[in-house]
Amino acid sequence: MRIGFLFNHDQIHQVAHSLPIALALAKGGFAGEIFVATTNERTRREVLRLGGDEIGRHITHIDLGLRARSLVLSRPLEGLVPSRKLLVYGDNLDFFRSLDMLVVAEKTSLVLKTLYGLKNLKIVHTRHGAGDRAIGFDKASAGFDHVFCSGPKVRERLIAEAKVPQEKISMVGYPKFDMLDPSVTMFPVRSRAPIVLYNPHCSAHLSSWFKQGRQVLDFFLDNPNYQLIFAPHVMLFERKFVLTIDKLRIDRPGHIEERYLRAPNIHIDLGSRASTDMSYTMMADLYLGDVSSQIYEFLLHPRPCLFLNSHKANWREDPNYGHWRAGPVIDTPAELADGLKRALASHEEAYRPVQQQMFASSFDLTDKPSSQRAAEVLAALLGDTGWNQRASLSA
């Protein structure tokens, strides 16, 4: 048996959603071979850092590169589209053919079945995040041989909207939580002022950044009674242009002006490890955002939230905006002063109970680590009937 875990993305934000499962599978004494494959130096470093001594001992790491022709083709396109990421599949078919199962956190890998004809390769989708956006429940989800989900909310929408057969879904919790280190703090706390995390998404048709982001930064520049962490989705500033495919649109994120970089009460992080390992979501006092699934990671510990409806969405009965029930919603940055005060003042009575219900619906957590629950499913799918016993002996 040969199982591979693929990390094929520009940024590292998907690594913690599936690597913990590979580690749990290895620690449980999986009878087959385990591979982790990376496609660039950034993800390689993160996988090796998080994997520790399991990589090289029970798990084999592989770098997947491009052929010379693909390298030439990808260079002029990479500034706009993830051409390297797309070309990796065709250039490494021998590796993918050698596997019995491939585990991924994204959907692009389905091209191995649809374009390259690897019908016998079982592909398991771990998903990444527990958010509400419609793209997370599109028909592509039904193309996987098996899908992991974090909680009942996600499971119900996968069945109802993506038409994934319920027998192909396993509710395993949230493996990323298994890697949480609450002792890590990456923001220089300079005062007792409330810490606000502004976390806009990268999708141009949904993000508050393109229309209102700089007005948000201006507000905090003028209001030092708040400390701000500006940590957007790590893909927002990855390229000069942001291209979204669920609703085709292209936009420019621009650059961050010097006045924001120098502000003593503003900490700006456009894509470091701290933007992906929950450092900021754990230490902030208030979450300010739009549609990012990081809101649900923030709700691991219920706290005040505020949302920017920069696109005038009719959100109240829309499940794609279900997370906006966690706090007040404002339409413009001109409402920030009042909105922040309302979010802080109304949290305990009006929103904490709602947030607790939202979290319970989004994450099915048990005493057993989520990564171990997911590893058990993979072992069963591959027919490793002795994995549970070996896992118990190694615990």
Protein backbone atom coordinates (compact mmCIF):
# COMPACT_ATOMS: atom_id res chain seq x y z
CA MET A 1 0.00 0.00 0.00
CA ARG A 2 1.31 3.43 -0.97
CA ILE A 3 -0.39 6.61 0.22
CA GLY A 4 0.69 10.13 -0.71
CA PHE A 5 -0.10 13.51 0.85
CA LEU A 6 0.28 16.31 -1.69
CA PHE A 7 1.08 19.93 -0.80
CA ASN A 8 0.79 21.85 -4.04
CA HIS A 9 0.12 25.49 -3.25
CA ASP A 10 2.02 28.79 -3.35
CA GLN A 11 1.47 29.36 0.35
CA ILE A 12 1.59 27.13 3.44
CA HIS A 13 -1.95 27.63 4.73
CA GLN A 14 -3.18 24.17 3.67
CA VAL A 15 -0.34 22.15 5.22
CA ALA A 16 -1.78 21.87 8.74
CA HIS A 17 -5.09 20.56 7.40
CA SER A 18 -3.65 17.26 6.17
CA LEU A 19 -0.07 16.79 7.40
CA PRO A 20 -1.25 15.93 10.96
CA ILE A 21 -3.15 13.00 9.43
CA ALA A 22 0.02 11.68 7.77
CA LEU A 23 1.85 11.96 11.10
CA ALA A 24 -0.94 10.13 12.95
CA LEU A 25 -0.95 7.40 10.30
CA ALA A 26 2.81 6.94 10.70
CA LYS A 27 2.73 6.96 14.50
CA GLY A 28 0.00 4.33 14.45
CA GLY A 29 2.25 1.93 12.57
CA PHE A 30 0.64 2.05 9.11
CA ALA A 31 1.56 -1.13 7.25
CA GLY A 32 2.23 0.58 3.93
CA GLU A 33 4.44 3.39 2.65
CA ILE A 34 3.64 7.04 3.39
CA PHE A 35 4.86 9.86 1.16
CA VAL A 36 4.57 13.63 1.58
CA ALA A 37 5.12 15.50 -1.68
CA THR A 38 5.84 19.23 -1.94
CA THR A 39 6.14 21.39 -5.04
CA ASN A 40 8.05 24.47 -3.86
CA GLU A 41 10.57 25.51 -1.25
CA ARG A 42 8.05 27.31 0.94
CA THR A 43 5.79 24.31 1.48
CA ARG A 44 8.81 22.03 1.70
CA ARG A 45 10.22 23.94 4.66
CA GLU A 46 6.87 23.98 6.45
CA VAL A 47 6.23 20.26 5.94
CA LEU A 48 9.72 19.38 7.21
CA ARG A 49 9.36 21.75 10.17
CA LEU A 50 6.00 20.37 11.29
CA GLY A 51 6.82 16.78 10.40
CA GLY A 52 9.96 16.69 12.54
CA ASP A 53 11.77 13.37 12.83
CA GLU A 54 8.82 11.42 11.42
CA ILE A 55 9.94 12.68 8.00
CA GLY A 56 12.71 10.40 6.89
CA ARG A 57 11.96 7.77 9.50
CA HIS A 58 8.39 6.62 8.86
CA ILE A 59 7.45 9.10 6.12
CA THR A 60 9.27 9.70 2.84
CA HIS A 61 9.49 13.26 1.56
CA ILE A 62 9.49 13.88 -2.20
CA ASP A 63 10.04 17.12 -4.14
CA LEU A 64 7.89 17.28 -7.27
CA GLY A 65 9.38 19.59 -9.87
CA LEU A 66 8.68 20.68 -13.43
CA ARG A 67 10.27 19.58 -16.67
CA ALA A 68 12.35 22.16 -18.55
CA ARG A 69 9.58 22.88 -21.05
CA SER A 70 7.03 23.47 -18.30
CA LEU A 71 9.42 25.78 -16.45
CA VAL A 72 9.75 27.95 -19.57
CA LEU A 73 5.99 27.96 -20.05
CA SER A 74 5.17 28.81 -16.43
CA ARG A 75 7.47 31.80 -15.92
CA PRO A 76 5.56 34.46 -17.91
CA LEU A 77 2.21 33.29 -16.51
CA GLU A 78 3.04 32.83 -12.83
CA GLY A 79 2.49 36.49 -11.92
CA LEU A 80 -1.20 36.15 -12.81
CA VAL A 81 -2.19 32.49 -12.49
CA PRO A 82 -0.73 29.53 -10.55
CA SER A 83 0.69 27.95 -13.71
CA ARG A 84 3.39 26.01 -11.88
CA LYS A 85 0.80 24.45 -9.61
CA LEU A 86 -1.26 23.32 -12.61
CA LEU A 87 1.68 21.92 -14.60
CA VAL A 88 2.99 19.79 -11.72
CA TYR A 89 0.41 17.07 -12.29
CA GLY A 90 1.25 16.24 -15.89
CA ASP A 91 4.99 16.35 -15.21
CA ASN A 92 4.81 13.86 -12.32
CA LEU A 93 2.33 11.25 -13.49
CA ASP A 94 4.70 8.38 -12.72
CA PHE A 95 4.65 9.32 -9.04
CA PHE A 96 0.87 9.66 -8.91
CA ARG A 97 0.40 6.34 -10.78
CA SER A 98 2.57 4.61 -8.17
CA LEU A 99 0.11 5.48 -5.38
CA ASP A 100 -2.95 3.62 -4.19
CA MET A 101 -4.32 6.75 -2.51
CA LEU A 102 -3.65 10.49 -2.66
CA VAL A 103 -4.74 12.83 0.15
CA VAL A 104 -5.19 16.52 -0.67
CA ALA A 105 -6.60 19.65 0.93
CA GLU A 106 -7.63 21.27 -2.37
CA LYS A 107 -9.68 20.34 -5.43
CA THR A 108 -7.26 21.01 -8.28
CA SER A 109 -5.84 17.49 -7.91
CA LEU A 110 -9.02 16.07 -9.42
CA VAL A 111 -7.39 16.75 -12.83
CA LEU A 112 -5.50 13.51 -12.22
CA LYS A 113 -8.82 11.73 -12.78
CA THR A 114 -10.61 14.06 -15.19
CA LEU A 115 -7.69 15.11 -17.44
CA TYR A 116 -5.01 12.46 -16.98
CA GLY A 117 -7.20 9.39 -16.60
CA LEU A 118 -5.91 8.01 -13.28
CA LYS A 119 -9.26 6.39 -12.50
CA ASN A 120 -7.79 3.77 -10.16
CA LEU A 121 -6.13 6.33 -7.89
CA LYS A 122 -8.28 6.95 -4.84
CA ILE A 123 -8.25 10.66 -3.95
CA VAL A 124 -9.36 11.78 -0.49
CA HIS A 125 -10.23 15.42 0.20
CA THR A 126 -9.45 16.74 3.69
CA ARG A 127 -10.81 20.23 2.87
CA HIS A 128 -9.18 23.26 4.47
CA GLY A 129 -11.27 25.30 6.84
CA ALA A 130 -14.83 25.07 8.08
CA GLY A 131 -16.18 28.15 6.31
CA ASP A 132 -19.50 28.88 4.67
CA ARG A 133 -18.60 30.03 1.16
CA ALA A 134 -20.53 28.34 -1.65
CA ILE A 135 -17.35 27.26 -3.44
CA GLY A 136 -16.69 24.84 -0.58
CA PHE A 137 -19.83 22.93 -1.51
CA ASP A 138 -19.71 22.91 -5.31
CA LYS A 139 -20.11 19.81 -7.45
CA ALA A 140 -16.34 19.18 -7.57
CA SER A 141 -16.53 17.79 -4.04
CA ALA A 142 -18.48 14.81 -5.40
CA GLY A 143 -15.53 13.89 -7.62
CA PHE A 144 -13.48 12.57 -4.70
CA ASP A 145 -13.49 8.98 -3.55
CA HIS A 146 -13.87 10.14 0.04
CA VAL A 147 -14.28 13.49 1.80
CA PHE A 148 -13.41 14.45 5.36
CA CYS A 149 -15.45 17.12 7.08
CA SER A 150 -15.07 18.97 10.37
CA GLY A 151 -18.65 18.90 11.66
CA PRO A 152 -22.36 18.37 10.97
CA LYS A 153 -22.87 21.74 9.26
CA VAL A 154 -20.30 20.89 6.60
CA ARG A 155 -21.55 17.33 6.23
CA GLU A 156 -25.14 18.43 5.67
CA ARG A 157 -24.18 20.97 3.00
CA LEU A 158 -21.90 18.49 1.21
CA ILE A 159 -24.84 16.08 0.92
CA ALA A 160 -27.49 18.67 0.05
CA GLU A 161 -25.54 21.01 -2.24
CA ALA A 162 -22.51 19.12 -3.55
CA LYS A 163 -24.47 15.84 -3.82
CA VAL A 164 -21.70 13.85 -2.13
CA PRO A 165 -23.08 10.44 -1.11
CA GLN A 166 -23.21 10.25 2.66
CA GLU A 167 -21.26 6.98 2.70
CA LYS A 168 -18.33 8.85 1.11
CA ILE A 169 -18.14 11.40 3.95
CA SER A 170 -16.40 10.95 7.29
CA MET A 171 -16.79 13.51 10.05
CA VAL A 172 -13.37 13.60 11.74
CA GLY A 173 -13.13 16.97 13.47
CA TYR A 174 -10.37 19.44 12.66
CA PRO A 175 -6.81 18.05 12.42
CA LYS A 176 -5.34 21.56 12.38
CA PHE A 177 -6.39 21.99 16.02
CA ASP A 178 -4.06 19.09 16.90
CA MET A 179 -1.08 21.27 15.97
CA LEU A 180 -2.15 24.37 17.88
CA ASP A 181 0.52 25.78 20.19
CA PRO A 182 -1.23 28.33 22.47
CA SER A 183 2.10 29.55 23.83
CA VAL A 184 3.12 31.14 20.52
CA THR A 185 2.61 34.91 20.24
CA MET A 186 3.76 36.79 17.15
CA PHE A 187 2.37 40.28 17.81
CA PRO A 188 4.31 42.83 19.88
CA VAL A 189 1.71 43.79 22.50
CA ARG A 190 2.52 47.36 23.51
CA SER A 191 -0.44 48.31 25.66
CA ARG A 192 -3.66 47.07 27.24
CA ALA A 193 -5.67 48.42 24.33
CA PRO A 194 -7.96 45.83 22.69
CA ILE A 195 -6.27 43.84 19.91
CA VAL A 196 -8.33 43.73 16.71
CA LEU A 197 -7.54 41.18 13.99
CA TYR A 198 -8.52 42.44 10.53
CA ASN A 199 -8.62 39.37 8.29
CA PRO A 200 -10.04 40.17 4.82
CA HIS A 201 -10.37 37.38 2.26
CA CYS A 202 -8.57 37.38 -1.10
CA SER A 203 -11.57 36.81 -3.41
CA ALA A 204 -12.18 40.14 -5.12
CA HIS A 205 -15.97 39.72 -5.35
CA LEU A 206 -16.27 39.07 -1.60
CA SER A 207 -13.32 40.70 0.14
CA SER A 208 -13.63 44.01 1.96
CA TRP A 209 -10.02 44.90 1.15
CA PHE A 210 -10.41 46.14 -2.43
CA LYS A 211 -13.23 48.60 -1.68
CA GLN A 212 -12.68 49.53 1.94
CA GLY A 213 -9.45 48.07 3.28
CA ARG A 214 -7.39 51.23 3.34
CA GLN A 215 -10.21 53.10 5.05
CA VAL A 216 -10.11 50.42 7.74
CA LEU A 217 -6.37 50.93 8.20
CA ASP A 218 -6.92 54.71 8.31
CA PHE A 219 -9.43 54.29 11.13
CA PHE A 220 -6.92 52.43 13.30
CA LEU A 221 -4.19 54.87 12.33
CA ASP A 222 -6.36 57.60 13.84
CA ASN A 223 -7.50 55.54 16.83
CA PRO A 224 -4.51 54.37 18.89
CA ASN A 225 -6.91 53.21 21.60
CA TYR A 226 -7.00 49.99 19.56
CA GLN A 227 -4.14 47.75 18.50
CA LEU A 228 -4.56 46.26 15.02
CA ILE A 229 -3.21 43.07 13.51
CA PHE A 230 -3.67 43.30 9.74
CA ALA A 231 -3.27 39.67 8.64
CA PRO A 232 -5.30 39.07 5.47
CA HIS A 233 -5.71 35.75 3.68
CA VAL A 234 -2.18 34.76 2.72
CA MET A 235 -3.04 34.74 -0.99
CA LEU A 236 -4.28 38.37 -1.07
CA PHE A 237 -0.82 39.84 -1.66
CA GLU A 238 0.84 36.76 -3.15
CA ARG A 239 0.61 38.13 -6.72
CA LYS A 240 0.24 41.56 -8.31
CA PHE A 241 -3.22 40.55 -9.46
CA VAL A 242 -5.85 38.42 -7.72
CA LEU A 243 -7.83 36.17 -10.04
CA THR A 244 -10.93 34.44 -8.68
CA ILE A 245 -12.52 31.55 -10.56
CA ASP A 246 -15.78 30.87 -8.71
CA LYS A 247 -17.03 34.22 -10.02
CA LEU A 248 -14.51 35.27 -12.64
CA ARG A 249 -12.91 38.52 -11.59
CA ILE A 250 -9.46 40.07 -11.50
CA ASP A 251 -8.28 42.89 -9.24
CA ARG A 252 -5.12 44.41 -7.81
CA PRO A 253 -4.46 44.36 -4.08
CA GLY A 254 -1.98 47.23 -4.45
CA HIS A 255 0.68 47.92 -1.84
CA ILE A 256 0.79 48.90 1.82
CA GLU A 257 1.67 52.56 2.34
CA GLU A 258 4.51 53.55 4.63
CA ARG A 259 2.23 55.37 7.08
CA TYR A 260 0.59 52.08 8.00
CA LEU A 261 3.89 50.23 8.28
CA ARG A 262 5.24 52.85 10.71
CA ALA A 263 2.14 53.11 12.91
CA PRO A 264 3.01 51.95 16.45
CA ASN A 265 -0.41 50.40 17.01
CA ILE A 266 -0.60 48.50 13.68
CA HIS A 267 1.11 45.17 13.03
CA ILE A 268 1.06 44.10 9.36
CA ASP A 269 1.64 40.51 8.25
CA LEU A 270 0.93 39.67 4.61
CA GLY A 271 1.75 35.99 4.77
CA SER A 272 4.11 34.67 7.43
CA ARG A 273 3.64 31.41 9.33
CA ALA A 274 1.78 33.32 12.06
CA SER A 275 -0.98 34.05 9.55
CA THR A 276 -1.65 30.34 9.18
CA ASP A 277 -0.89 28.70 12.56
CA MET A 278 -3.67 30.45 14.52
CA SER A 279 -1.26 32.71 16.42
CA TYR A 280 -3.30 35.78 15.58
CA THR A 281 -6.74 34.22 15.91
CA MET A 282 -5.82 33.04 19.41
CA MET A 283 -4.41 36.31 20.76
CA ALA A 284 -6.85 38.86 19.30
CA ASP A 285 -9.63 40.34 21.44
CA LEU A 286 -11.90 41.03 18.47
CA TYR A 287 -12.23 39.64 14.95
CA LEU A 288 -12.93 42.04 12.06
CA GLY A 289 -13.49 40.43 8.68
CA ASP A 290 -15.69 39.44 5.78
CA VAL A 291 -15.85 35.84 4.48
CA SER A 292 -12.66 34.09 5.62
CA SER A 293 -13.09 30.68 7.25
CA GLN A 294 -10.59 31.79 9.90
CA ILE A 295 -13.58 33.18 11.80
CA TYR A 296 -14.37 29.62 12.90
CA GLU A 297 -10.83 29.07 14.16
CA PHE A 298 -11.20 32.32 16.10
CA LEU A 299 -14.37 30.94 17.71
CA LEU A 300 -12.41 28.17 19.39
CA HIS A 301 -12.54 30.72 22.21
CA PRO A 302 -15.70 32.86 21.76
CA ARG A 303 -14.92 36.58 21.57
CA PRO A 304 -16.43 39.69 19.97
CA CYS A 305 -16.69 39.83 16.16
CA LEU A 306 -17.56 42.51 13.63
CA PHE A 307 -18.17 42.05 9.90
CA LEU A 308 -17.87 44.39 6.91
CA ASN A 309 -20.58 44.07 4.27
CA SER A 310 -18.66 45.97 1.62
CA HIS A 311 -20.61 44.40 -1.26
CA LYS A 312 -24.09 45.08 0.10
CA ALA A 313 -24.88 41.38 0.29
CA ASN A 314 -28.38 40.28 1.23
CA TRP A 315 -26.84 38.03 3.85
CA ARG A 316 -29.41 37.35 6.56
CA GLU A 317 -30.98 34.18 5.10
CA ASP A 318 -27.94 33.16 3.06
CA PRO A 319 -26.03 30.11 4.43
CA ASN A 320 -22.89 31.37 2.66
CA TYR A 321 -22.84 34.18 5.24
CA GLY A 322 -23.80 32.05 8.21
CA HIS A 323 -20.72 33.22 10.12
CA TRP A 324 -22.07 36.79 10.18
CA ARG A 325 -24.39 35.68 12.95
CA ALA A 326 -21.35 35.84 15.26
CA GLY A 327 -21.41 39.61 15.64
CA PRO A 328 -22.74 42.94 14.33
CA VAL A 329 -22.53 43.69 10.60
CA ILE A 330 -21.65 47.14 9.25
CA ASP A 331 -21.66 48.44 5.69
CA THR A 332 -18.84 50.99 5.69
CA PRO A 333 -15.67 51.83 7.66
CA ALA A 334 -17.41 55.04 8.73
CA GLU A 335 -19.38 52.82 11.12
CA LEU A 336 -16.27 51.26 12.68
CA ALA A 337 -16.18 53.37 15.85
CA ASP A 338 -19.74 52.50 16.78
CA GLY A 339 -19.50 48.95 15.43
CA LEU A 340 -16.48 48.06 17.53
CA LYS A 341 -18.12 49.44 20.66
CA ARG A 342 -21.32 47.48 19.95
CA ALA A 343 -19.39 44.29 19.28
CA LEU A 344 -17.54 44.55 22.58
CA ALA A 345 -20.56 45.60 24.64
CA SER A 346 -23.09 43.11 23.24
CA HIS A 347 -20.90 40.03 23.02
CA GLU A 348 -21.69 38.23 26.26
CA GLU A 349 -25.45 38.53 26.15
CA ALA A 350 -26.24 38.59 22.44
CA TYR A 351 -23.47 36.71 20.64
CA ARG A 352 -21.54 34.30 22.87
CA PRO A 353 -24.39 31.71 22.90
CA VAL A 354 -24.72 32.01 19.11
CA GLN A 355 -20.98 31.57 18.64
CA GLN A 356 -20.95 28.47 20.82
CA GLN A 357 -23.75 26.93 18.75
CA MET A 358 -21.93 27.86 15.51
CA PHE A 359 -18.72 26.26 16.71
CA ALA A 360 -20.45 23.06 17.82
CA SER A 361 -22.14 22.79 14.43
CA SER A 362 -18.88 23.38 12.57
CA PHE A 363 -16.55 21.12 14.59
CA ASP A 364 -17.26 17.63 15.85
CA LEU A 365 -14.46 17.34 18.41
CA THR A 366 -13.99 14.37 20.73
CA ASP A 367 -11.37 13.18 23.23
CA LYS A 368 -9.62 11.41 20.36
CA PRO A 369 -7.40 13.73 18.25
CA SER A 370 -8.98 14.64 14.93
CA SER A 371 -5.88 13.58 13.01
CA GLN A 372 -6.09 10.09 14.54
CA ARG A 373 -9.77 9.81 13.63
CA ALA A 374 -8.94 10.71 10.03
CA ALA A 375 -5.99 8.29 9.96
CA GLU A 376 -8.29 5.48 11.09
CA VAL A 377 -10.57 6.15 8.13
CA LEU A 378 -7.66 6.14 5.67
CA ALA A 379 -6.30 2.90 7.06
CA ALA A 380 -9.74 1.29 6.76
CA LEU A 381 -10.18 2.52 3.19
CA LEU A 382 -6.82 0.98 2.30
CA GLY A 383 -7.61 -2.28 4.05
CA ASP A 384 -5.02 -1.99 6.82
CA THR A 385 -7.16 -3.87 9.33
CA GLY A 386 -4.45 -4.00 11.99
CA TRP A 387 -3.85 -0.26 12.15
CA ASN A 388 -6.16 0.35 15.11
CA GLN A 389 -4.35 -2.22 17.24
CA ARG A 390 -0.93 -0.86 16.36
CA ALA A 391 -2.15 2.70 17.04
CA SER A 392 -3.34 1.64 20.53
CA LEU A 393 -0.02 0.00 21.31
CA SER A 394 1.90 3.10 20.26
CA ALA A 395 -0.31 5.54 22.21
